[in-house]
Amino acid sequence: MPFETIKEAIRTGHRVRLSLAEGEYLVEPHILGRDKKGRTLLRAFKLRGPGSTAPWKVFDLERIQSARKVPARFRTPRSGYNPDDPAMSDGIIERI
């Protein structure tokens, strides 16, 4: 189950490999939360994956087909992380 894997990875500081329909991502997960519509979202720093080059990305957990912790760890958030910045928390009303 992606939720439990991601939650544990956030707690332990592990990177995660996410599989979605559009491809695989390698991320450093930081925040799980729910938006105003009740969707569970993940805010993560993208190390590799398809799409834009923007490093911070929001993933809808409903779209994640699988999540696997990888041995690599991270200690602190990457540049640009600010949990109080409106750009980092738009729509997230609850942190898990």
PDB file of N, CA and C in Angstrom:
ATOM      1  N   MET A   1       0.853  -1.180   0.000  1.00  0.00           N
ATOM      2  CA  MET A   1       0.000   0.000   0.000  1.00  0.00           C
ATOM      3  C   MET A   1       0.899   1.244   0.000  1.00  0.00           C
ATOM      4  N   PRO A   2       0.727   2.115  -0.995  1.00  0.00           N
ATOM      5  CA  PRO A   2       1.584   3.301  -1.084  1.00  0.00           C
ATOM      6  C   PRO A   2       1.557   4.183   0.160  1.00  0.00           C
ATOM      7  N   PHE A   3       0.398   4.354   0.789  1.00  0.00           N
ATOM      8  CA  PHE A   3       0.299   5.264   1.922  1.00  0.00           C
ATOM      9  C   PHE A   3       1.244   4.859   3.045  1.00  0.00           C
ATOM     10  N   GLU A   4       1.182   3.607   3.465  1.00  0.00           N
ATOM     11  CA  GLU A   4       2.009   3.145   4.582  1.00  0.00           C
ATOM     12  C   GLU A   4       3.491   3.194   4.232  1.00  0.00           C
ATOM     13  N   THR A   5       3.841   2.810   3.007  1.00  0.00           N
ATOM     14  CA  THR A   5       5.237   2.846   2.570  1.00  0.00           C
ATOM     15  C   THR A   5       5.769   4.272   2.593  1.00  0.00           C
ATOM     16  N   ILE A   6       4.997   5.200   2.061  1.00  0.00           N
ATOM     17  CA  ILE A   6       5.424   6.600   2.004  1.00  0.00           C
ATOM     18  C   ILE A   6       5.484   7.201   3.402  1.00  0.00           C
ATOM     19  N   LYS A   7       4.497   6.910   4.222  1.00  0.00           N
ATOM     20  CA  LYS A   7       4.492   7.421   5.596  1.00  0.00           C
ATOM     21  C   LYS A   7       5.738   6.958   6.348  1.00  0.00           C
ATOM     22  N   GLU A   8       6.097   5.699   6.216  1.00  0.00           N
ATOM     23  CA  GLU A   8       7.281   5.162   6.873  1.00  0.00           C
ATOM     24  C   GLU A   8       8.554   5.787   6.291  1.00  0.00           C
ATOM     25  N   ALA A   9       8.596   5.997   4.990  1.00  0.00           N
ATOM     26  CA  ALA A   9       9.764   6.620   4.356  1.00  0.00           C
ATOM     27  C   ALA A   9       9.958   8.053   4.847  1.00  0.00           C
ATOM     28  N   ILE A  10       8.883   8.789   5.040  1.00  0.00           N
ATOM     29  CA  ILE A  10       8.982  10.150   5.582  1.00  0.00           C
ATOM     30  C   ILE A  10       9.558  10.082   6.996  1.00  0.00           C
ATOM     31  N   ARG A  11       9.051   9.165   7.787  1.00  0.00           N
ATOM     32  CA  ARG A  11       9.490   9.032   9.171  1.00  0.00           C
ATOM     33  C   ARG A  11      10.981   8.672   9.269  1.00  0.00           C
ATOM     34  N   THR A  12      11.462   7.807   8.365  1.00  0.00           N
ATOM     35  CA  THR A  12      12.840   7.317   8.436  1.00  0.00           C
ATOM     36  C   THR A  12      13.808   8.054   7.508  1.00  0.00           C
ATOM     37  N   GLY A  13      13.294   8.935   6.651  1.00  0.00           N
ATOM     38  CA  GLY A  13      14.157   9.683   5.743  1.00  0.00           C
ATOM     39  C   GLY A  13      14.670   8.871   4.564  1.00  0.00           C
ATOM     40  N   HIS A  14      13.885   7.895   4.105  1.00  0.00           N
ATOM     41  CA  HIS A  14      14.271   7.090   2.942  1.00  0.00           C
ATOM     42  C   HIS A  14      13.713   7.696   1.653  1.00  0.00           C
ATOM     43  N   ARG A  15      14.469   7.551   0.606  1.00  0.00           N
ATOM     44  CA  ARG A  15      13.958   7.888  -0.721  1.00  0.00           C
ATOM     45  C   ARG A  15      12.962   6.806  -1.129  1.00  0.00           C
ATOM     46  N   VAL A  16      12.097   7.160  -2.094  1.00  0.00           N
ATOM     47  CA  VAL A  16      11.054   6.237  -2.539  1.00  0.00           C
ATOM     48  C   VAL A  16      10.996   6.216  -4.060  1.00  0.00           C
ATOM     49  N   ARG A  17      10.801   5.025  -4.606  1.00  0.00           N
ATOM     50  CA  ARG A  17      10.568   4.871  -6.044  1.00  0.00           C
ATOM     51  C   ARG A  17       9.057   4.708  -6.235  1.00  0.00           C
ATOM     52  N   LEU A  18       8.474   5.635  -6.990  1.00  0.00           N
ATOM     53  CA  LEU A  18       7.040   5.626  -7.250  1.00  0.00           C
ATOM     54  C   LEU A  18       6.777   5.185  -8.683  1.00  0.00           C
ATOM     55  N   SER A  19       5.799   4.311  -8.874  1.00  0.00           N
ATOM     56  CA  SER A  19       5.368   3.914 -10.212  1.00  0.00           C
ATOM     57  C   SER A  19       3.991   4.505 -10.465  1.00  0.00           C
ATOM     58  N   LEU A  20       3.878   5.273 -11.550  1.00  0.00           N
ATOM     59  CA  LEU A  20       2.617   5.861 -11.992  1.00  0.00           C
ATOM     60  C   LEU A  20       2.421   5.506 -13.459  1.00  0.00           C
ATOM     61  N   ALA A  21       1.267   5.753 -13.991  1.00  0.00           N
ATOM     62  CA  ALA A  21       0.988   5.429 -15.389  1.00  0.00           C
ATOM     63  C   ALA A  21       1.990   6.092 -16.327  1.00  0.00           C
ATOM     64  N   GLU A  22       2.427   7.317 -16.000  1.00  0.00           N
ATOM     65  CA  GLU A  22       3.335   8.040 -16.895  1.00  0.00           C
ATOM     66  C   GLU A  22       4.806   7.660 -16.727  1.00  0.00           C
ATOM     67  N   GLY A  23       5.129   6.832 -15.734  1.00  0.00           N
ATOM     68  CA  GLY A  23       6.507   6.388 -15.564  1.00  0.00           C
ATOM     69  C   GLY A  23       6.913   6.285 -14.107  1.00  0.00           C
ATOM     70  N   GLU A  24       8.224   6.085 -13.897  1.00  0.00           N
ATOM     71  CA  GLU A  24       8.760   5.944 -12.545  1.00  0.00           C
ATOM     72  C   GLU A  24       9.441   7.219 -12.089  1.00  0.00           C
ATOM     73  N   TYR A  25       9.295   7.481 -10.806  1.00  0.00           N
ATOM     74  CA  TYR A  25       9.918   8.635 -10.168  1.00  0.00           C
ATOM     75  C   TYR A  25      10.767   8.152  -9.006  1.00  0.00           C
ATOM     76  N   LEU A  26      11.871   8.854  -8.764  1.00  0.00           N
ATOM     77  CA  LEU A  26      12.645   8.674  -7.549  1.00  0.00           C
ATOM     78  C   LEU A  26      12.505   9.983  -6.783  1.00  0.00           C
ATOM     79  N   VAL A  27      11.975   9.904  -5.550  1.00  0.00           N
ATOM     80  CA  VAL A  27      11.659  11.125  -4.799  1.00  0.00           C
ATOM     81  C   VAL A  27      12.145  11.034  -3.361  1.00  0.00           C
ATOM     82  N   GLU A  28      12.243  12.218  -2.760  1.00  0.00           N
ATOM     83  CA  GLU A  28      12.444  12.346  -1.328  1.00  0.00           C
ATOM     84  C   GLU A  28      11.116  12.864  -0.774  1.00  0.00           C
ATOM     85  N   PRO A  29      10.347  12.014  -0.102  1.00  0.00           N
ATOM     86  CA  PRO A  29       9.012  12.403   0.360  1.00  0.00           C
ATOM     87  C   PRO A  29       9.083  13.275   1.616  1.00  0.00           C
ATOM     88  N   HIS A  30       8.187  14.274   1.690  1.00  0.00           N
ATOM     89  CA  HIS A  30       8.216  15.186   2.839  1.00  0.00           C
ATOM     90  C   HIS A  30       6.877  15.356   3.548  1.00  0.00           C
ATOM     91  N   ILE A  31       5.794  15.511   2.812  1.00  0.00           N
ATOM     92  CA  ILE A  31       4.508  15.788   3.456  1.00  0.00           C
ATOM     93  C   ILE A  31       3.423  14.916   2.839  1.00  0.00           C
ATOM     94  N   LEU A  32       2.651  14.251   3.691  1.00  0.00           N
ATOM     95  CA  LEU A  32       1.406  13.603   3.285  1.00  0.00           C
ATOM     96  C   LEU A  32       0.289  14.463   3.858  1.00  0.00           C
ATOM     97  N   GLY A  33      -0.716  14.726   3.059  1.00  0.00           N
ATOM     98  CA  GLY A  33      -1.824  15.539   3.554  1.00  0.00           C
ATOM     99  C   GLY A  33      -3.064  15.333   2.706  1.00  0.00           C
ATOM    100  N   ARG A  34      -4.136  15.966   3.131  1.00  0.00           N
ATOM    101  CA  ARG A  34      -5.391  15.898   2.383  1.00  0.00           C
ATOM    102  C   ARG A  34      -5.748  17.294   1.897  1.00  0.00           C
ATOM    103  N   ASP A  35      -6.258  17.363   0.671  1.00  0.00           N
ATOM    104  CA  ASP A  35      -6.690  18.652   0.160  1.00  0.00           C
ATOM    105  C   ASP A  35      -8.150  18.878   0.516  1.00  0.00           C
ATOM    106  N   LYS A  36      -8.681  19.996   0.067  1.00  0.00           N
ATOM    107  CA  LYS A  36     -10.067  20.359   0.409  1.00  0.00           C
ATOM    108  C   LYS A  36     -11.090  19.384  -0.153  1.00  0.00           C
ATOM    109  N   LYS A  37     -10.700  18.623  -1.156  1.00  0.00           N
ATOM    110  CA  LYS A  37     -11.603  17.628  -1.746  1.00  0.00           C
ATOM    111  C   LYS A  37     -11.464  16.256  -1.091  1.00  0.00           C
ATOM    112  N   GLY A  38     -10.559  16.147  -0.119  1.00  0.00           N
ATOM    113  CA  GLY A  38     -10.373  14.885   0.587  1.00  0.00           C
ATOM    114  C   GLY A  38      -9.355  13.960  -0.037  1.00  0.00           C
ATOM    115  N   ARG A  39      -8.694  14.382  -1.116  1.00  0.00           N
ATOM    116  CA  ARG A  39      -7.676  13.545  -1.752  1.00  0.00           C
ATOM    117  C   ARG A  39      -6.405  13.538  -0.902  1.00  0.00           C
ATOM    118  N   THR A  40      -5.756  12.392  -0.822  1.00  0.00           N
ATOM    119  CA  THR A  40      -4.492  12.289  -0.109  1.00  0.00           C
ATOM    120  C   THR A  40      -3.378  12.613  -1.091  1.00  0.00           C
ATOM    121  N   LEU A  41      -2.543  13.583  -0.698  1.00  0.00           N
ATOM    122  CA  LEU A  41      -1.479  14.073  -1.563  1.00  0.00           C
ATOM    123  C   LEU A  41      -0.124  13.903  -0.901  1.00  0.00           C
ATOM    124  N   LEU A  42       0.893  13.762  -1.728  1.00  0.00           N
ATOM    125  CA  LEU A  42       2.278  13.690  -1.284  1.00  0.00           C
ATOM    126  C   LEU A  42       3.030  14.856  -1.904  1.00  0.00           C
ATOM    127  N   ARG A  43       3.733  15.605  -1.069  1.00  0.00           N
ATOM    128  CA  ARG A  43       4.655  16.630  -1.566  1.00  0.00           C
ATOM    129  C   ARG A  43       6.052  16.047  -1.422  1.00  0.00           C
ATOM    130  N   ALA A  44       6.791  16.026  -2.562  1.00  0.00           N
ATOM    131  CA  ALA A  44       8.102  15.380  -2.575  1.00  0.00           C
ATOM    132  C   ALA A  44       9.063  16.133  -3.484  1.00  0.00           C
ATOM    133  N   PHE A  45      10.346  15.934  -3.220  1.00  0.00           N
ATOM    134  CA  PHE A  45      11.390  16.466  -4.079  1.00  0.00           C
ATOM    135  C   PHE A  45      11.704  15.402  -5.115  1.00  0.00           C
ATOM    136  N   LYS A  46      11.558  15.751  -6.387  1.00  0.00           N
ATOM    137  CA  LYS A  46      11.763  14.794  -7.480  1.00  0.00           C
ATOM    138  C   LYS A  46      13.238  14.765  -7.873  1.00  0.00           C
ATOM    139  N   LEU A  47      13.849  13.598  -7.747  1.00  0.00           N
ATOM    140  CA  LEU A  47      15.233  13.399  -8.183  1.00  0.00           C
ATOM    141  C   LEU A  47      15.295  12.929  -9.628  1.00  0.00           C
ATOM    142  N   ARG A  48      14.368  12.050 -10.006  1.00  0.00           N
ATOM    143  CA  ARG A  48      14.264  11.551 -11.381  1.00  0.00           C
ATOM    144  C   ARG A  48      12.804  11.270 -11.679  1.00  0.00           C
ATOM    145  N   GLY A  49      12.468  11.395 -12.965  1.00  0.00           N
ATOM    146  CA  GLY A  49      11.117  11.066 -13.383  1.00  0.00           C
ATOM    147  C   GLY A  49      10.685  11.880 -14.573  1.00  0.00           C
ATOM    148  N   PRO A  50       9.589  11.468 -15.185  1.00  0.00           N
ATOM    149  CA  PRO A  50       9.088  12.155 -16.372  1.00  0.00           C
ATOM    150  C   PRO A  50       8.474  13.512 -16.034  1.00  0.00           C
ATOM    151  N   GLY A  51       8.227  14.282 -17.075  1.00  0.00           N
ATOM    152  CA  GLY A  51       7.523  15.551 -16.888  1.00  0.00           C
ATOM    153  C   GLY A  51       8.449  16.728 -16.715  1.00  0.00           C
ATOM    154  N   SER A  52       7.923  17.730 -16.069  1.00  0.00           N
ATOM    155  CA  SER A  52       8.630  18.999 -15.926  1.00  0.00           C
ATOM    156  C   SER A  52       9.915  18.849 -15.121  1.00  0.00           C
ATOM    157  N   THR A  53      10.741  19.869 -15.222  1.00  0.00           N
ATOM    158  CA  THR A  53      11.991  19.863 -14.474  1.00  0.00           C
ATOM    159  C   THR A  53      11.827  20.462 -13.091  1.00  0.00           C
ATOM    160  N   ALA A  54      10.619  20.897 -12.741  1.00  0.00           N
ATOM    161  CA  ALA A  54      10.382  21.465 -11.412  1.00  0.00           C
ATOM    162  C   ALA A  54      10.736  20.416 -10.361  1.00  0.00           C
ATOM    163  N   PRO A  55      11.581  20.776  -9.390  1.00  0.00           N
ATOM    164  CA  PRO A  55      12.024  19.764  -8.427  1.00  0.00           C
ATOM    165  C   PRO A  55      10.963  19.363  -7.408  1.00  0.00           C
ATOM    166  N   TRP A  56      10.097  20.291  -6.993  1.00  0.00           N
ATOM    167  CA  TRP A  56       9.061  19.959  -6.003  1.00  0.00           C
ATOM    168  C   TRP A  56       7.792  19.583  -6.737  1.00  0.00           C
ATOM    169  N   LYS A  57       7.197  18.467  -6.349  1.00  0.00           N
ATOM    170  CA  LYS A  57       6.022  17.957  -7.053  1.00  0.00           C
ATOM    171  C   LYS A  57       5.002  17.444  -6.045  1.00  0.00           C
ATOM    172  N   VAL A  58       3.733  17.561  -6.409  1.00  0.00           N
ATOM    173  CA  VAL A  58       2.641  17.009  -5.615  1.00  0.00           C
ATOM    174  C   VAL A  58       2.083  15.805  -6.367  1.00  0.00           C
ATOM    175  N   PHE A  59       1.985  14.681  -5.663  1.00  0.00           N
ATOM    176  CA  PHE A  59       1.444  13.446  -6.240  1.00  0.00           C
ATOM    177  C   PHE A  59       0.124  13.119  -5.557  1.00  0.00           C
ATOM    178  N   ASP A  60      -0.863  12.723  -6.340  1.00  0.00           N
ATOM    179  CA  ASP A  60      -2.134  12.222  -5.817  1.00  0.00           C
ATOM    180  C   ASP A  60      -1.940  10.731  -5.546  1.00  0.00           C
ATOM    181  N   LEU A  61      -2.121  10.295  -4.302  1.00  0.00           N
ATOM    182  CA  LEU A  61      -1.881   8.895  -3.958  1.00  0.00           C
ATOM    183  C   LEU A  61      -2.760   7.923  -4.745  1.00  0.00           C
ATOM    184  N   GLU A  62      -3.907   8.376  -5.189  1.00  0.00           N
ATOM    185  CA  GLU A  62      -4.782   7.512  -5.996  1.00  0.00           C
ATOM    186  C   GLU A  62      -4.129   7.120  -7.321  1.00  0.00           C
ATOM    187  N   ARG A  63      -3.197   7.929  -7.802  1.00  0.00           N
ATOM    188  CA  ARG A  63      -2.540   7.684  -9.084  1.00  0.00           C
ATOM    189  C   ARG A  63      -1.267   6.847  -8.944  1.00  0.00           C
ATOM    190  N   ILE A  64      -0.800   6.663  -7.707  1.00  0.00           N
ATOM    191  CA  ILE A  64       0.425   5.898  -7.488  1.00  0.00           C
ATOM    192  C   ILE A  64       0.100   4.412  -7.498  1.00  0.00           C
ATOM    193  N   GLN A  65       0.696   3.697  -8.441  1.00  0.00           N
ATOM    194  CA  GLN A  65       0.444   2.265  -8.576  1.00  0.00           C
ATOM    195  C   GLN A  65       1.243   1.459  -7.561  1.00  0.00           C
ATOM    196  N   SER A  66       2.473   1.884  -7.300  1.00  0.00           N
ATOM    197  CA  SER A  66       3.277   1.221  -6.275  1.00  0.00           C
ATOM    198  C   SER A  66       4.311   2.202  -5.745  1.00  0.00           C
ATOM    199  N   ALA A  67       4.762   1.940  -4.521  1.00  0.00           N
ATOM    200  CA  ALA A  67       5.788   2.752  -3.865  1.00  0.00           C
ATOM    201  C   ALA A  67       6.727   1.797  -3.148  1.00  0.00           C
ATOM    202  N   ARG A  68       8.031   1.980  -3.386  1.00  0.00           N
ATOM    203  CA  ARG A  68       9.030   1.126  -2.737  1.00  0.00           C
ATOM    204  C   ARG A  68      10.110   2.003  -2.117  1.00  0.00           C
ATOM    205  N   LYS A  69      10.393   1.777  -0.843  1.00  0.00           N
ATOM    206  CA  LYS A  69      11.528   2.463  -0.219  1.00  0.00           C
ATOM    207  C   LYS A  69      12.797   1.937  -0.859  1.00  0.00           C
ATOM    208  N   VAL A  70      13.775   2.827  -1.019  1.00  0.00           N
ATOM    209  CA  VAL A  70      15.089   2.414  -1.504  1.00  0.00           C
ATOM    210  C   VAL A  70      16.079   2.633  -0.365  1.00  0.00           C
ATOM    211  N   PRO A  71      17.238   1.978  -0.406  1.00  0.00           N
ATOM    212  CA  PRO A  71      18.173   2.100   0.715  1.00  0.00           C
ATOM    213  C   PRO A  71      18.697   3.518   0.944  1.00  0.00           C
ATOM    214  N   ALA A  72      18.788   4.314  -0.115  1.00  0.00           N
ATOM    215  CA  ALA A  72      19.342   5.666   0.021  1.00  0.00           C
ATOM    216  C   ALA A  72      18.463   6.515   0.927  1.00  0.00           C
ATOM    217  N   ARG A  73      19.115   7.338   1.738  1.00  0.00           N
ATOM    218  CA  ARG A  73      18.399   8.200   2.676  1.00  0.00           C
ATOM    219  C   ARG A  73      18.726   9.661   2.411  1.00  0.00           C
ATOM    220  N   PHE A  74      17.924  10.535   2.999  1.00  0.00           N
ATOM    221  CA  PHE A  74      18.196  11.965   2.978  1.00  0.00           C
ATOM    222  C   PHE A  74      17.995  12.488   4.385  1.00  0.00           C
ATOM    223  N   ARG A  75      18.663  13.582   4.711  1.00  0.00           N
ATOM    224  CA  ARG A  75      18.591  14.099   6.080  1.00  0.00           C
ATOM    225  C   ARG A  75      17.760  15.358   6.206  1.00  0.00           C
ATOM    226  N   THR A  76      17.891  16.226   5.253  1.00  0.00           N
ATOM    227  CA  THR A  76      17.182  17.504   5.332  1.00  0.00           C
ATOM    228  C   THR A  76      16.516  17.796   3.994  1.00  0.00           C
ATOM    229  N   PRO A  77      15.501  18.643   4.003  1.00  0.00           N
ATOM    230  CA  PRO A  77      14.855  19.009   2.745  1.00  0.00           C
ATOM    231  C   PRO A  77      15.811  19.747   1.806  1.00  0.00           C
ATOM    232  N   ARG A  78      15.567  19.615   0.536  1.00  0.00           N
ATOM    233  CA  ARG A  78      16.349  20.294  -0.492  1.00  0.00           C
ATOM    234  C   ARG A  78      15.992  21.775  -0.530  1.00  0.00           C
ATOM    235  N   SER A  79      16.794  22.501  -1.277  1.00  0.00           N
ATOM    236  CA  SER A  79      16.577  23.928  -1.463  1.00  0.00           C
ATOM    237  C   SER A  79      15.157  24.200  -1.967  1.00  0.00           C
ATOM    238  N   GLY A  80      14.556  25.233  -1.435  1.00  0.00           N
ATOM    239  CA  GLY A  80      13.206  25.601  -1.857  1.00  0.00           C
ATOM    240  C   GLY A  80      12.108  25.056  -0.968  1.00  0.00           C
ATOM    241  N   TYR A  81      12.463  24.213  -0.014  1.00  0.00           N
ATOM    242  CA  TYR A  81      11.447  23.654   0.872  1.00  0.00           C
ATOM    243  C   TYR A  81      11.094  24.658   1.954  1.00  0.00           C
ATOM    244  N   ASN A  82       9.824  24.953   2.059  1.00  0.00           N
ATOM    245  CA  ASN A  82       9.312  25.835   3.099  1.00  0.00           C
ATOM    246  C   ASN A  82       7.885  25.399   3.370  1.00  0.00           C
ATOM    247  N   PRO A  83       7.642  24.652   4.428  1.00  0.00           N
ATOM    248  CA  PRO A  83       6.297  24.135   4.678  1.00  0.00           C
ATOM    249  C   PRO A  83       5.253  25.223   4.899  1.00  0.00           C
ATOM    250  N   ASP A  84       5.688  26.441   5.193  1.00  0.00           N
ATOM    251  CA  ASP A  84       4.734  27.536   5.397  1.00  0.00           C
ATOM    252  C   ASP A  84       4.545  28.398   4.157  1.00  0.00           C
ATOM    253  N   ASP A  85       5.284  28.116   3.105  1.00  0.00           N
ATOM    254  CA  ASP A  85       5.167  28.854   1.857  1.00  0.00           C
ATOM    255  C   ASP A  85       3.861  28.455   1.166  1.00  0.00           C
ATOM    256  N   PRO A  86       3.018  29.412   0.771  1.00  0.00           N
ATOM    257  CA  PRO A  86       1.751  29.066   0.113  1.00  0.00           C
ATOM    258  C   PRO A  86       1.945  28.196  -1.128  1.00  0.00           C
ATOM    259  N   ALA A  87       3.039  28.371  -1.832  1.00  0.00           N
ATOM    260  CA  ALA A  87       3.294  27.543  -3.014  1.00  0.00           C
ATOM    261  C   ALA A  87       3.566  26.091  -2.636  1.00  0.00           C
ATOM    262  N   MET A  88       4.010  25.861  -1.420  1.00  0.00           N
ATOM    263  CA  MET A  88       4.301  24.501  -0.967  1.00  0.00           C
ATOM    264  C   MET A  88       3.103  23.847  -0.312  1.00  0.00           C
ATOM    265  N   SER A  89       2.108  24.620   0.052  1.00  0.00           N
ATOM    266  CA  SER A  89       1.005  23.999   0.790  1.00  0.00           C
ATOM    267  C   SER A  89      -0.371  24.349   0.234  1.00  0.00           C
ATOM    268  N   ASP A  90      -0.434  24.879  -0.997  1.00  0.00           N
ATOM    269  CA  ASP A  90      -1.751  25.213  -1.524  1.00  0.00           C
ATOM    270  C   ASP A  90      -2.601  23.960  -1.606  1.00  0.00           C
ATOM    271  N   GLY A  91      -3.768  24.053  -1.066  1.00  0.00           N
ATOM    272  CA  GLY A  91      -4.700  22.938  -1.100  1.00  0.00           C
ATOM    273  C   GLY A  91      -4.539  21.944   0.037  1.00  0.00           C
ATOM    274  N   ILE A  92      -3.397  21.898   0.695  1.00  0.00           N
ATOM    275  CA  ILE A  92      -3.211  20.913   1.771  1.00  0.00           C
ATOM    276  C   ILE A  92      -3.756  21.523   3.063  1.00  0.00           C
ATOM    277  N   ILE A  93      -4.780  20.882   3.580  1.00  0.00           N
ATOM    278  CA  ILE A  93      -5.395  21.423   4.794  1.00  0.00           C
ATOM    279  C   ILE A  93      -5.101  20.559   6.011  1.00  0.00           C
ATOM    280  N   GLU A  94      -4.543  19.395   5.796  1.00  0.00           N
ATOM    281  CA  GLU A  94      -4.241  18.487   6.904  1.00  0.00           C
ATOM    282  C   GLU A  94      -2.963  17.743   6.606  1.00  0.00           C
ATOM    283  N   ARG A  95      -2.054  17.745   7.535  1.00  0.00           N
ATOM    284  CA  ARG A  95      -0.847  16.940   7.385  1.00  0.00           C
ATOM    285  C   ARG A  95      -1.025  15.661   8.165  1.00  0.00           C
ATOM    286  N   ILE A  96      -0.544  14.598   7.619  1.00  0.00           N
ATOM    287  CA  ILE A  96      -0.722  13.283   8.238  1.00  0.00           C
ATOM    288  C   ILE A  96       0.553  12.898   8.958  1.00  0.00           C
TER     289      ILE A  96
END
